Amino acid sequence: MSIEKCPVCDWDMKDGGIKVRVAGKELTVCCDECAAKVKANPNAYAAEAK
């Protein structure tokens, strides 16, 4: 079983993470703080969204 890494802080996501919509796509991050960072600067993370 592989553990996904948060695209914002590179921490392990053990509980499925938090899904955030970016540029019409979904990005999973590890915590509320990283979700807030994505929402504050969506263009920086849009390329990593699926």
Foldseek 3Di string as FASTA:
>chain_A
DDFDAAPQPRHTADPFADWEAAPNFIHGGRDPVSNVVCVVPVVVCVVVGD
